[in-house]
Amino acid sequence: MYVSIEVLTTLGSFAGLLVAIVAGFGWTIRRTDAQLQHATGRLEARMDRIESRMDRLEGQTAALTHELTDVKITIARLEGPPPRLYTMR
């Protein structure tokens, strides 16, 4: 069987093009995975910082709630008992 040089060149070009396309897709996938891991790492670090801030705020809020309760009790004592509709004789 005789195969001309043009057919061999076409098959070689097709094989080279196929290898280049597969390598390009592989490179793209690897780069996308690396960027995704980098973004995930940054997001996790930011979420940890936000979580620590929220914990600190919860502690401050608990202290303020306790102080507010004390202030309410003090104001209620200053105002005295609620006025009655009927006065006692």
Protein backbone atom coordinates (compact mmCIF):
# COMPACT_ATOMS: atom_id res chain seq x y z
CA MET A 1 0.00 0.00 0.00
CA TYR A 2 1.36 3.35 -1.03
CA VAL A 3 0.72 6.47 1.13
CA SER A 4 1.68 9.80 -0.31
CA ILE A 5 3.71 12.36 1.60
CA GLU A 6 0.73 14.72 1.65
CA VAL A 7 -1.40 12.18 3.54
CA LEU A 8 1.41 11.56 6.05
CA THR A 9 1.86 15.31 6.53
CA THR A 10 -1.87 15.77 7.09
CA LEU A 11 -1.99 12.94 9.63
CA GLY A 12 1.11 14.30 11.40
CA SER A 13 -0.39 17.79 11.51
CA PHE A 14 -3.65 16.42 12.88
CA ALA A 15 -1.79 14.44 15.57
CA GLY A 16 0.27 17.51 16.51
CA LEU A 17 -2.82 19.68 16.66
CA LEU A 18 -4.60 17.10 18.83
CA VAL A 19 -1.66 16.95 21.24
CA ALA A 20 -1.54 20.77 21.41
CA ILE A 21 -5.27 21.02 22.16
CA VAL A 22 -5.10 18.36 24.89
CA ALA A 23 -2.06 20.06 26.45
CA GLY A 24 -3.83 23.43 26.32
CA PHE A 25 -6.89 22.07 28.08
CA GLY A 26 -4.70 20.38 30.68
CA TRP A 27 -2.83 23.62 31.34
CA THR A 28 -6.09 25.55 31.61
CA ILE A 29 -7.59 23.08 34.08
CA ARG A 30 -4.44 23.03 36.21
CA ARG A 31 -4.27 26.84 36.30
CA THR A 32 -7.97 27.13 37.15
CA ASP A 33 -7.54 24.65 40.01
CA ALA A 34 -4.57 26.62 41.37
CA GLN A 35 -6.51 29.88 41.26
CA LEU A 36 -9.50 28.24 42.92
CA GLN A 37 -7.34 26.89 45.74
CA HIS A 38 -5.76 30.32 46.21
CA ALA A 39 -9.18 32.02 46.32
CA THR A 40 -10.49 29.38 48.72
CA GLY A 41 -7.54 29.94 51.04
CA ARG A 42 -8.10 33.69 51.04
CA LEU A 43 -11.82 33.21 51.68
CA GLU A 44 -11.20 30.84 54.58
CA ALA A 45 -8.74 33.29 56.16
CA ARG A 46 -11.26 36.11 55.83
CA MET A 47 -14.04 33.97 57.30
CA ASP A 48 -11.82 33.08 60.27
CA ARG A 49 -11.18 36.78 60.91
CA ILE A 50 -14.91 37.55 60.67
CA GLU A 51 -15.69 34.68 63.03
CA SER A 52 -13.21 35.97 65.62
CA ARG A 53 -14.74 39.45 65.33
CA MET A 54 -18.23 38.01 65.82
CA ASP A 55 -17.07 36.12 68.93
CA ARG A 56 -15.57 39.31 70.34
CA LEU A 57 -18.79 41.24 69.60
CA GLU A 58 -20.89 38.57 71.28
CA GLY A 59 -18.81 38.98 74.43
CA GLN A 60 -19.21 42.75 74.35
CA THR A 61 -22.94 42.44 73.73
CA ALA A 62 -23.36 40.11 76.69
CA ALA A 63 -21.60 42.63 78.95
CA LEU A 64 -23.76 45.48 77.63
CA THR A 65 -26.93 43.45 78.14
CA HIS A 66 -25.99 42.86 81.78
CA GLU A 67 -25.25 46.57 82.28
CA LEU A 68 -28.52 47.56 80.59
CA THR A 69 -30.46 45.30 82.94
CA ASP A 70 -28.79 47.00 85.91
CA VAL A 71 -29.68 50.42 84.48
CA LYS A 72 -33.32 49.41 84.02
CA ILE A 73 -33.53 48.23 87.62
CA THR A 74 -31.97 51.46 88.88
CA ILE A 75 -34.37 53.62 86.86
CA ALA A 76 -37.34 51.60 88.11
CA ARG A 77 -36.23 52.17 91.70
CA LEU A 78 -35.83 55.91 91.10
CA GLU A 79 -39.28 56.25 89.57
CA GLY A 80 -40.96 54.40 92.40
CA PRO A 81 -44.08 52.27 92.18
CA PRO A 82 -46.55 52.96 89.38
CA PRO A 83 -49.31 55.45 90.25
CA ARG A 84 -52.63 53.94 91.23
CA LEU A 85 -55.99 54.97 89.80
CA TYR A 86 -57.60 55.03 93.24
CA THR A 87 -55.90 56.67 96.16
CA MET A 88 -55.92 54.92 99.49
CA ARG A 89 -57.57 56.87 102.41
